[in-house]
Amino acid sequence: MSPNLESHIKSQVPALLLRRFFGGAGRRDEAKHLQQRPPVPPAGRRRVFVQTETGCVLGMDLDRSDNAHTVKRRLQLALNVPTGETSLTFGDRVLENDLSFIRPDSPLLLTRNSINRSCSTPCLCPVSKDFEHKDRSGLVEMLGCSISCARVKRLVDDVVTAIRSGVDPVPIGSGLGGSYYFRNISGDRVAIVKPTDEEPFAPNNPKGFVGRALGQPGLKKSVRVGETGFREVAAYLLDHDNFANVPPTALVKITHSIFHINCPVNGGSPAHDQKQQVSSKIASFQQFIAHDFDASDHGTSSFPVAAVHRIGILDIRIFNTDRHAGNVLVRKLDGGTGRFGCQTELFPIDHGLCLPENLEDPYFEWIHWAQSSIPFSEEELEYIKNLDPMRDVAMLRRELPIIREACLRVLVLCTIFLKEAAASGLCLAEIGEMMTREFRGLEEEPSKLEVVCMEARRKLAEWEPYSPVIEQGEDMDFQFSLDMLGEYNDVIRSPRFNGLGAKGNGFRNPLSKLVESIDEDNDDDDGRSESSKRSSERVHSGGLKFPSADKSSGSNGSVHALNRSADEQLPSSVYFVRLSDMNAEEWNIFLEKFQELLKEALQERAAAAGQRMKQRLGTSCKF
């Protein structure tokens, strides 16, 4: 056995039992436990936090000789959890021997290579009694994000002081996930904490929305369960100079008995065990904004134009799929004026569903507000002009190394789109409409943005030289599988493949609209309705029907199910365009084609808008 396995482990176990009773000694023991300062890792070591797919968190120090096997072995010894047929992941990467690139205070995720468990199977959080009372970490530890440290650190200190003084947090009843108000020593709310394992569909969701493990597709098909927290942080980091007023946000490891655990330990009842457990969670930690109401409770006509524009600019950059009126806070400024000379101030919150792994249908409530139809100001145009998507990507990779490459590609694409559209004279509402899908009858049509992307992928397929063997691993910063495409994985990437259409001459581009159901494809076609068959076989260009992947996946042994894109894991996946299956060279060529086609599309839109204006002016002058 490696000597590293015998080193001291700081256990951050959600089910850590303190065995405290009503006696004073028990409370003194708990207070002593909570007041312990986190030990500084020895020189040459880095502290990381390993989270299982059921939400358990274990902190440990890594040295140069550690690898994925030793980390999993420590996890098994500490939590008594099986680690066979599991993978240790860091964002897109599956960790093996080299852990040298892992930064201090990074969160890692242990996932099973295949998910065959029923949704009703308990997600137990076992505890090894040998590690009771050995949690010597701090109550709140920030995970990376040096940019946000200064502002959030003060809030963290206030929260820690309050907890040690007996001021407990308060659960928030609204919303689908678990969230909590943390207070200062005066009892005032200062922060909102959202544990990643209490999100909708996560194992420890307190409101009954459970059934999936961390890393599986979540509320939005392109956002995985347990990954909304780092998206909240990304939105704050991308809000340069607090342009849109996003509250300071950081990713933390936080410990408290208030947190929810669905599965009790050692067979006890949830109500009994919940009072005796101090749970450590990985969570987003955001400053609480005192406000009077949200935008859904107030007429939007009084909102400052600049404030609406700034929120909209951020939403477009991060492809926000959930900007409704309820997550725009409104503060009335009685007797004074705010940033823009108005008596109301807006604060955008809840960015957990931004930066999806694939383009889908966003939701921008502000499209229907009058302010979004007013042209951008010179200051706003200058801000947009100075945006640098590549610099933003480099910053996020540095501050949030767990962010997935597919999310960064969505950011780059949307920032380029925003810059070109604003330079062409489009207003905020017009830009948002170009990103939004339309429904015609029962059919969902691609957005204008997706149409341009689809055409860029078609041109990329024409440019790409044919290669019967797809090189694995070269220029790939992430690991997404094309298992869903089955035996057509190689041929669809070549323009030479042009003879398998419905009419014998159609080339099926891999990014044209794909509608298929894994469950239905595994059944006999005789049991399906004609409309279902047509929907499954419908293509956007050509008539090739793709076979579905086996439910167990794993046809490529190097990539397991949870490491595939979130879209591919759903029983039914509907998308028009994918960005995750291109290597670095293909991605750069795609961006060149995209920018060329986007300029043409914007010119055509401007010409069509001018013609419509002439027609309206002409008819209005007739008597």
Foldseek 3Di string as FASTA:
>chain_A
DDPVLVDDWQFQFQLQFQPADPDPVSVVLVLVLQPFEADDDPPQWAWEWEAEQQFTITIGIDHQADFPVSVVSSVCVFFVDDQPQKFKDQFQDTTGGGPPPDHHHGYIYIYHQFDPDFLPDAPDRGGDPVCHSRNRYHQKFFRFQPVLCVVVVVVVVQLSQLVSVPQDWAWDPDDQFTKIFGAGVVNHGWKIKGFQQGHQQHNFPPPPRHRDTFLAQGPHLLATRSQLQVQQQLLVVPCPPCQQVAFRKTKMWHKALPGTHDDHYPPDDRVVSSNRGIHIGTIMMTTDDDADAWQVVDDPPQPDLSNLQSVLLSCLLQVAQDDDRRQKGKHAQPPAADPVRGRIDIYGGRRSRTLGLFQDAHDHNCLPPPSQQDADDPVVLVVLLPDDLVVSLVVCCNRPVSHHPSSSLSNVLSSLLVNLLNVLGGTSSVSSQQSHWDDDPNDIHHHVLLVLLLVLLVVLLVVDAADQDDDPPPLAPGDADPLQQPPCPRVLSHPVPAQPFPVRGWRAHPQAKAKDFPVVLVDDPVPDDPVNVCNRQDTDITGDHGRGGDSRRCPPVVHGDSSHRSQNNDRIHTHRGGDNPDGPVSSVSSVVSSSVSSNVVSVVVVVVVVVVVVVVVVVVPDD
